[in-house]
Amino acid sequence: MIYFNNAATTLRKPPCVAQAVLEAMQSLGSCGRGAHEQELAAGRTVYRARAAVAELFGCPAPERVVFTANATQALNTALFGLFEPGDHVITTDLEHNSVLRPLYRLEEQGMISLSFVPADAAGQVDYDDFERLIRPETRAIVCTHASNLTGNLLDIARIGAVAKAHGLLFVVDAAQTAGAFEINMVRDQIDVLCFTGHKSLMGPQGTGGLCVAPGVPVRPLLTGGTGTHSFEHAQPEAYPEHLEAGTLNGHGLAGLLAAVEFIRKTGISNIHAHERGLMLRFLDGVRKMPEITVYGDFSGDRAPIVTLSMLSMTSDELADWLAEDYDIAVRAGAHCAPRMHRALGTAEHGAVRFSFGFYNTEDEVDAALAALREISRA
């Protein structure tokens, strides 16, 4: 099988990731739930994972790295924990439903009001709109780093500067970029960075988290056992326990630690260059096919995604054809990004997304191009 659905999850992981998970399942106990060697080993592994993630993202302190099951849970923790009644929040048309749906719920509950920076037909924004939308009651800017539909990148350093100039919180959804792009919370002036482990970080599913800058108050989404302060009625105030309730996925976090160590050793710039090269090779090929329309802006840096449609064929039909006749895995449909589809004009039939990962090859790209040429002539 040729797998081009890495924007959903990376299928092929570094071998050290599976090995780390296996060894953890055979040896680790429960982090923070005892003083035996197995429990202490689990605690050390989880702390090493926090420290590795903090270093990767420029988070000022390892204890401010809070682990969750995925970016969706991380974003829910941040968005339901930050805002007060009457707050105004600015977001964009590029957002995934993991940002949109929590914000819509807060809006429906009367907690916040929302404004959207619009995307044009190429999926790009006018950065001046962020400033134009600020009101006296604006509390935060919440945005993705890269669109999961087009791969278009937002300049988070530029947006972070706007947020800080106006005293706003800045929350970033890095689900598509963590592990494949350099991110530094201090440099980019990010207050809360949300990430998932199973995409470009090449870790296991069921891992992710949020990095919270010092001094940023987030109310817990979940409350429960932490292994500390057991007689207190409320969740502990100290991080990371303040936002972590219940037993952590120590086995998965052992795999995430191995993945982050692999990324650091390999180099984010090398990973990004390889994935970008595959994307550009594919883009060059599909642009020579008149039956294919490509969506997004490819003029600058971007996530390794090419989303397209083929004349007189729905996205589901094209994806099924690729899967059944050529054993090529892609993603079709709406991609949990409804506002971006409306901006692109693809809401009716969806689009087919090819997303490239570190373990894809040029031969696989060429095979996909050959398949598309055959399908277009059929």
Protein backbone atom coordinates (compact mmCIF):
# COMPACT_ATOMS: atom_id res chain seq x y z
CA MET A 1 0.00 0.00 0.00
CA ILE A 2 1.06 3.57 -0.73
CA TYR A 3 -0.02 5.74 2.18
CA PHE A 4 -0.69 9.43 1.56
CA ASN A 5 -2.93 10.20 4.54
CA ASN A 6 -0.24 11.45 6.89
CA ALA A 7 -2.21 14.60 7.75
CA ALA A 8 -4.67 12.28 9.52
CA THR A 9 -2.04 10.07 11.12
CA THR A 10 1.43 8.92 10.18
CA LEU A 11 1.16 5.21 9.47
CA ARG A 12 4.89 4.53 9.33
CA LYS A 13 6.76 5.43 12.50
CA PRO A 14 10.44 5.29 13.38
CA PRO A 15 11.18 1.71 14.54
CA CYS A 16 12.29 3.07 17.92
CA VAL A 17 8.71 4.21 18.63
CA ALA A 18 7.15 0.74 18.52
CA GLN A 19 10.09 -0.66 20.45
CA ALA A 20 9.68 1.96 23.18
CA VAL A 21 5.95 1.22 23.51
CA LEU A 22 6.59 -2.53 23.70
CA GLU A 23 9.27 -2.14 26.37
CA ALA A 24 7.04 0.25 28.34
CA MET A 25 4.13 -2.19 28.28
CA GLN A 26 6.41 -4.90 29.63
CA SER A 27 8.04 -2.84 32.37
CA LEU A 28 6.30 0.40 33.37
CA GLY A 29 3.77 0.77 36.13
CA SER A 30 1.47 3.73 36.74
CA CYS A 31 3.02 7.20 36.88
CA GLY A 32 2.53 8.85 40.28
CA ARG A 33 0.57 5.94 41.73
CA GLY A 34 3.17 4.21 43.89
CA ALA A 35 6.79 4.04 45.03
CA HIS A 36 7.81 0.70 43.56
CA GLU A 37 10.48 0.67 40.86
CA GLN A 38 7.91 0.14 38.07
CA GLU A 39 5.92 3.21 39.12
CA LEU A 40 9.07 5.29 39.57
CA ALA A 41 10.26 4.20 36.12
CA ALA A 42 6.94 5.33 34.66
CA GLY A 43 7.31 8.70 36.37
CA ARG A 44 10.81 9.16 35.03
CA THR A 45 9.70 8.26 31.49
CA VAL A 46 6.79 10.71 31.59
CA TYR A 47 9.03 13.47 32.93
CA ARG A 48 11.58 12.82 30.18
CA ALA A 49 8.74 13.10 27.67
CA ARG A 50 7.67 16.44 29.17
CA ALA A 51 11.22 17.75 29.05
CA ALA A 52 11.70 16.61 25.43
CA VAL A 53 8.44 18.24 24.30
CA ALA A 54 9.28 21.44 26.20
CA GLU A 55 12.66 21.63 24.49
CA LEU A 56 11.16 20.90 21.07
CA PHE A 57 8.58 23.70 21.33
CA GLY A 58 10.52 26.24 23.41
CA CYS A 59 8.14 25.83 26.33
CA PRO A 60 9.68 27.64 29.32
CA ALA A 61 9.21 24.79 31.84
CA PRO A 62 8.62 21.01 31.50
CA GLU A 63 5.87 21.06 34.14
CA ARG A 64 3.87 23.39 31.86
CA VAL A 65 3.62 20.53 29.32
CA VAL A 66 0.27 18.85 29.99
CA PHE A 67 -0.47 15.52 28.32
CA THR A 68 -3.84 14.66 26.77
CA ALA A 69 -5.14 12.01 24.39
CA ASN A 70 -4.86 14.22 21.27
CA ALA A 71 -4.99 17.79 20.00
CA THR A 72 -8.78 17.86 20.22
CA GLN A 73 -8.72 17.21 23.96
CA ALA A 74 -5.89 19.72 24.35
CA LEU A 75 -7.86 22.40 22.49
CA ASN A 76 -11.00 21.69 24.50
CA THR A 77 -8.97 21.99 27.70
CA ALA A 78 -7.60 25.35 26.59
CA LEU A 79 -10.75 26.86 25.10
CA PHE A 80 -13.15 25.82 27.88
CA GLY A 81 -10.59 26.78 30.49
CA LEU A 82 -9.52 30.24 29.39
CA PHE A 83 -12.58 32.37 28.73
CA GLU A 84 -15.00 34.33 30.88
CA PRO A 85 -18.53 35.58 30.08
CA GLY A 86 -18.41 38.50 27.66
CA ASP A 87 -15.06 37.64 26.10
CA HIS A 88 -14.57 38.14 22.37
CA VAL A 89 -12.43 35.65 20.43
CA ILE A 90 -10.89 36.03 16.98
CA THR A 91 -10.27 32.91 14.88
CA THR A 92 -10.01 32.10 11.14
CA ASP A 93 -11.70 30.29 8.28
CA LEU A 94 -8.78 27.85 8.16
CA GLU A 95 -9.76 26.11 11.37
CA HIS A 96 -10.45 22.43 11.96
CA ASN A 97 -13.58 21.43 13.85
CA SER A 98 -11.42 20.73 16.90
CA VAL A 99 -11.19 24.53 17.19
CA LEU A 100 -14.53 25.47 15.67
CA ARG A 101 -16.87 23.24 17.64
CA PRO A 102 -15.62 24.21 21.12
CA LEU A 103 -15.80 27.88 20.12
CA TYR A 104 -19.29 27.44 18.66
CA ARG A 105 -20.44 25.77 21.88
CA LEU A 106 -19.05 28.61 23.96
CA GLU A 107 -20.82 31.07 21.66
CA GLU A 108 -24.12 29.17 21.91
CA GLN A 109 -23.81 29.13 25.70
CA GLY A 110 -23.50 32.93 25.65
CA MET A 111 -19.97 32.77 27.07
CA ILE A 112 -18.14 34.42 24.15
CA SER A 113 -18.68 36.25 20.88
CA LEU A 114 -16.76 35.18 17.79
CA SER A 115 -15.19 36.87 14.77
CA PHE A 116 -13.57 35.14 11.82
CA VAL A 117 -10.64 36.28 9.69
CA PRO A 118 -11.90 35.25 6.24
CA ALA A 119 -9.98 33.13 3.77
CA ASP A 120 -9.94 33.96 0.07
CA ALA A 121 -10.39 31.50 -2.81
CA ALA A 122 -6.76 30.38 -2.43
CA GLY A 123 -7.23 29.78 1.29
CA GLN A 124 -5.13 32.75 2.35
CA VAL A 125 -5.88 35.50 4.88
CA ASP A 126 -5.26 39.23 5.07
CA TYR A 127 -3.20 39.67 8.25
CA ASP A 128 -4.51 43.21 8.70
CA ASP A 129 -7.89 41.63 9.46
CA PHE A 130 -6.60 40.42 12.83
CA GLU A 131 -6.07 44.02 13.91
CA ARG A 132 -9.32 45.20 12.33
CA LEU A 133 -11.38 42.65 14.27
CA ILE A 134 -10.02 43.57 17.71
CA ARG A 135 -12.60 45.07 20.07
CA PRO A 136 -12.36 46.33 23.66
CA GLU A 137 -13.66 42.99 24.93
CA THR A 138 -11.36 40.84 22.76
CA ARG A 139 -9.57 38.27 24.94
CA ALA A 140 -7.75 35.99 22.52
CA ILE A 141 -6.71 35.00 19.02
CA VAL A 142 -7.08 31.28 18.34
CA CYS A 143 -5.74 29.85 15.10
CA THR A 144 -4.20 26.88 13.38
CA HIS A 145 -0.58 26.88 12.29
CA ALA A 146 -1.41 25.12 9.01
CA SER A 147 -4.67 24.21 7.32
CA ASN A 148 -5.29 20.48 7.34
CA LEU A 149 -7.18 20.91 4.06
CA THR A 150 -4.82 22.95 1.89
CA GLY A 151 -1.58 22.96 3.84
CA ASN A 152 -1.52 26.78 3.79
CA LEU A 153 0.64 28.08 6.62
CA LEU A 154 -0.26 30.96 8.90
CA ASP A 155 2.55 33.22 10.09
CA ILE A 156 2.15 32.55 13.80
CA ALA A 157 5.04 34.85 14.76
CA ARG A 158 3.28 37.73 13.02
CA ILE A 159 -0.06 36.90 14.62
CA GLY A 160 1.60 36.44 18.00
CA ALA A 161 3.08 39.93 17.73
CA VAL A 162 -0.39 41.36 17.06
CA ALA A 163 -1.81 39.51 20.05
CA LYS A 164 0.90 40.72 22.41
CA ALA A 165 0.70 44.32 21.15
CA HIS A 166 -2.95 44.34 22.24
CA GLY A 167 -2.58 42.30 25.42
CA LEU A 168 -4.43 39.27 24.00
CA LEU A 169 -3.94 35.58 24.64
CA PHE A 170 -2.63 33.60 21.67
CA VAL A 171 -3.68 29.96 21.30
CA VAL A 172 -2.19 27.87 18.46
CA ASP A 173 -3.39 24.56 17.04
CA ALA A 174 -0.17 22.89 15.88
CA ALA A 175 -1.71 19.52 14.99
CA GLN A 176 -0.42 19.68 11.40
CA THR A 177 2.99 21.18 12.08
CA ALA A 178 4.37 19.88 15.39
CA GLY A 179 7.44 17.85 14.53
CA ALA A 180 7.83 19.11 10.97
CA PHE A 181 8.20 22.87 11.55
CA GLU A 182 10.27 24.85 14.01
CA ILE A 183 7.99 26.24 16.72
CA ASN A 184 9.16 28.29 19.68
CA MET A 185 6.58 29.51 22.15
CA VAL A 186 8.71 32.37 23.43
CA ARG A 187 9.83 33.60 20.02
CA ASP A 188 6.35 33.25 18.51
CA GLN A 189 4.68 34.72 21.64
CA ILE A 190 2.34 31.75 22.07
CA ASP A 191 0.39 31.43 25.33
CA VAL A 192 -1.03 27.95 24.71
CA LEU A 193 0.29 25.53 22.10
CA CYS A 194 -1.83 22.45 21.38
CA PHE A 195 -0.36 19.41 19.63
CA THR A 196 -0.99 15.77 18.85
CA GLY A 197 1.52 12.96 18.89
CA HIS A 198 0.31 10.80 16.03
CA LYS A 199 0.80 13.10 13.04
CA SER A 200 4.13 14.79 12.18
CA LEU A 201 5.56 13.93 15.59
CA MET A 202 5.35 10.29 14.39
CA GLY A 203 4.31 9.03 17.81
CA PRO A 204 1.48 6.74 18.91
CA GLN A 205 -2.20 7.56 18.72
CA GLY A 206 -3.64 8.52 22.08
CA THR A 207 -0.88 11.01 22.81
CA GLY A 208 -0.90 14.79 22.62
CA GLY A 209 -1.03 17.78 24.87
CA LEU A 210 -0.88 21.48 25.49
CA CYS A 211 2.03 23.67 26.51
CA VAL A 212 0.87 26.52 28.75
CA ALA A 213 3.04 29.59 29.23
CA PRO A 214 3.71 30.62 32.84
CA GLY A 215 1.09 32.95 34.25
CA VAL A 216 -1.66 31.85 31.82
CA PRO A 217 -4.66 30.67 33.90
CA VAL A 218 -6.50 27.62 32.52
CA ARG A 219 -9.37 26.03 34.44
CA PRO A 220 -9.33 22.22 34.44
CA LEU A 221 -11.58 20.51 31.91
CA LEU A 222 -11.40 17.24 33.87
CA THR A 223 -11.04 16.67 37.59
CA GLY A 224 -10.16 13.52 39.44
CA GLY A 225 -7.23 11.49 40.65
CA THR A 226 -3.73 12.91 40.41
CA GLY A 227 -1.79 10.92 42.99
CA THR A 228 -1.22 14.11 45.00
CA HIS A 229 -3.25 16.26 47.47
CA SER A 230 -5.83 13.50 47.76
CA PHE A 231 -7.76 15.14 50.63
CA GLU A 232 -8.42 18.37 48.74
CA HIS A 233 -11.82 18.84 47.12
CA ALA A 234 -10.45 20.74 44.14
CA GLN A 235 -7.93 19.83 41.48
CA PRO A 236 -4.37 20.75 42.59
CA GLU A 237 -3.19 24.18 41.49
CA ALA A 238 0.32 23.00 40.60
CA TYR A 239 1.12 22.00 37.04
CA PRO A 240 0.90 19.58 35.33
CA GLU A 241 -1.57 17.95 37.77
CA HIS A 242 -3.84 21.02 37.53
CA LEU A 243 -4.90 19.93 34.03
CA GLU A 244 -4.16 16.19 34.19
CA ALA A 245 -6.76 13.96 35.86
CA GLY A 246 -6.57 10.17 35.80
CA THR A 247 -3.88 7.72 34.84
CA LEU A 248 -1.64 8.91 32.03
CA ASN A 249 -0.94 6.89 28.89
CA GLY A 250 2.57 6.04 30.03
CA HIS A 251 3.07 3.44 27.33
CA GLY A 252 2.09 5.86 24.61
CA LEU A 253 4.19 8.64 26.12
CA ALA A 254 7.21 6.33 26.08
CA GLY A 255 6.62 6.06 22.33
CA LEU A 256 6.17 9.81 22.02
CA LEU A 257 9.46 10.36 23.84
CA ALA A 258 11.20 8.04 21.38
CA ALA A 259 9.59 9.88 18.47
CA VAL A 260 10.68 13.31 19.72
CA GLU A 261 14.21 12.03 20.30
CA PHE A 262 14.22 10.66 16.73
CA ILE A 263 13.06 14.03 15.38
CA ARG A 264 15.74 15.90 17.32
CA LYS A 265 18.41 13.51 16.05
CA THR A 266 17.20 13.61 12.44
CA GLY A 267 16.58 17.35 12.42
CA ILE A 268 13.29 19.14 11.81
CA SER A 269 14.81 20.97 8.84
CA ASN A 270 15.77 17.66 7.21
CA ILE A 271 12.32 16.19 7.80
CA HIS A 272 10.65 19.30 6.42
CA ALA A 273 12.91 19.41 3.35
CA HIS A 274 12.16 15.77 2.49
CA GLU A 275 8.41 16.16 2.86
CA ARG A 276 8.38 19.44 0.96
CA GLY A 277 10.36 17.88 -1.88
CA LEU A 278 7.80 15.09 -2.24
CA MET A 279 4.94 17.61 -2.21
CA LEU A 280 6.53 19.76 -4.91
CA ARG A 281 7.29 16.72 -7.07
CA PHE A 282 3.65 15.66 -6.83
CA LEU A 283 2.39 19.20 -7.41
CA ASP A 284 4.49 19.56 -10.55
CA GLY A 285 2.98 16.37 -11.91
CA VAL A 286 -0.69 17.07 -11.20
CA ARG A 287 -0.48 20.60 -12.55
CA LYS A 288 0.24 19.09 -15.97
CA MET A 289 -3.11 17.25 -15.93
CA PRO A 290 -5.87 19.53 -17.25
CA GLU A 291 -8.61 17.44 -15.63
CA ILE A 292 -7.29 18.21 -12.15
CA THR A 293 -7.86 21.33 -10.04
CA VAL A 294 -5.45 21.98 -7.17
CA TYR A 295 -6.48 24.06 -4.15
CA GLY A 296 -4.40 26.31 -1.93
CA ASP A 297 -1.48 28.69 -2.24
CA PHE A 298 1.93 27.20 -3.06
CA SER A 299 3.88 30.44 -3.28
CA GLY A 300 5.53 30.11 0.14
CA ASP A 301 6.34 27.59 2.81
CA ARG A 302 3.53 25.24 3.71
CA ALA A 303 2.59 21.86 5.15
CA PRO A 304 3.23 18.88 2.81
CA ILE A 305 -0.35 18.65 1.52
CA VAL A 306 -1.81 18.77 -2.00
CA THR A 307 -5.60 18.81 -2.18
CA LEU A 308 -7.33 18.41 -5.52
CA SER A 309 -10.41 17.41 -7.45
CA MET A 310 -10.86 15.73 -10.81
CA LEU A 311 -13.33 16.92 -13.42
CA SER A 312 -16.75 15.17 -13.37
CA MET A 313 -15.88 13.01 -10.35
CA THR A 314 -16.72 13.39 -6.66
CA SER A 315 -13.92 13.23 -4.13
CA ASP A 316 -15.23 9.92 -2.77
CA GLU A 317 -15.25 8.35 -6.22
CA LEU A 318 -11.66 9.36 -6.91
CA ALA A 319 -10.43 8.20 -3.50
CA ASP A 320 -12.21 4.85 -3.87
CA TRP A 321 -10.72 4.36 -7.34
CA LEU A 322 -7.22 5.04 -6.03
CA ALA A 323 -7.74 2.65 -3.12
CA GLU A 324 -9.38 -0.22 -4.97
CA ASP A 325 -7.38 -0.27 -8.20
CA TYR A 326 -4.01 1.12 -7.08
CA ASP A 327 -3.87 0.50 -3.31
CA ILE A 328 -3.20 4.20 -2.68
CA ALA A 329 -4.59 5.64 0.56
CA VAL A 330 -5.73 9.28 0.51
CA ARG A 331 -8.44 11.25 2.32
CA ALA A 332 -11.65 12.41 0.65
CA GLY A 333 -14.57 14.50 1.79
CA ALA A 334 -14.89 17.55 4.02
CA HIS A 335 -11.81 17.00 6.24
CA CYS A 336 -13.51 18.57 9.29
CA ALA A 337 -12.82 22.01 7.79
CA PRO A 338 -16.21 23.38 6.69
CA ARG A 339 -15.37 27.08 6.52
CA MET A 340 -12.29 26.45 4.39
CA HIS A 341 -14.31 24.32 1.97
CA ARG A 342 -16.78 27.16 1.55
CA ALA A 343 -13.93 29.58 0.88
CA LEU A 344 -12.45 27.25 -1.75
CA GLY A 345 -15.82 26.47 -3.34
CA THR A 346 -15.54 22.73 -2.63
CA ALA A 347 -18.33 22.33 -0.09
CA GLU A 348 -20.60 20.34 -2.43
CA HIS A 349 -18.26 17.54 -3.55
CA GLY A 350 -15.38 17.82 -1.09
CA ALA A 351 -11.80 17.31 -2.19
CA VAL A 352 -9.11 14.65 -2.21
CA ARG A 353 -6.09 15.25 0.01
CA PHE A 354 -2.64 13.81 -0.60
CA SER A 355 -0.48 14.38 2.49
CA PHE A 356 3.15 13.33 2.56
CA GLY A 357 5.26 12.03 5.42
CA PHE A 358 8.88 11.38 6.25
CA TYR A 359 8.71 7.73 5.20
CA ASN A 360 7.17 8.36 1.78
CA THR A 361 9.41 8.10 -1.28
CA GLU A 362 9.71 9.65 -4.72
CA ASP A 363 8.79 6.29 -6.28
CA GLU A 364 5.49 6.38 -4.38
CA VAL A 365 4.83 9.90 -5.61
CA ASP A 366 5.52 8.83 -9.20
CA ALA A 367 3.20 5.83 -8.81
CA ALA A 368 0.40 8.11 -7.60
CA LEU A 369 0.92 10.44 -10.55
CA ALA A 370 0.78 7.52 -12.95
CA ALA A 371 -2.46 6.34 -11.35
CA LEU A 372 -4.04 9.79 -11.66
CA ARG A 373 -3.05 9.96 -15.32
CA GLU A 374 -4.68 6.60 -16.00
CA ILE A 375 -7.84 7.54 -14.15
CA SER A 376 -8.10 10.86 -15.96
CA ARG A 377 -7.98 9.05 -19.33
CA ALA A 378 -10.51 6.39 -18.41
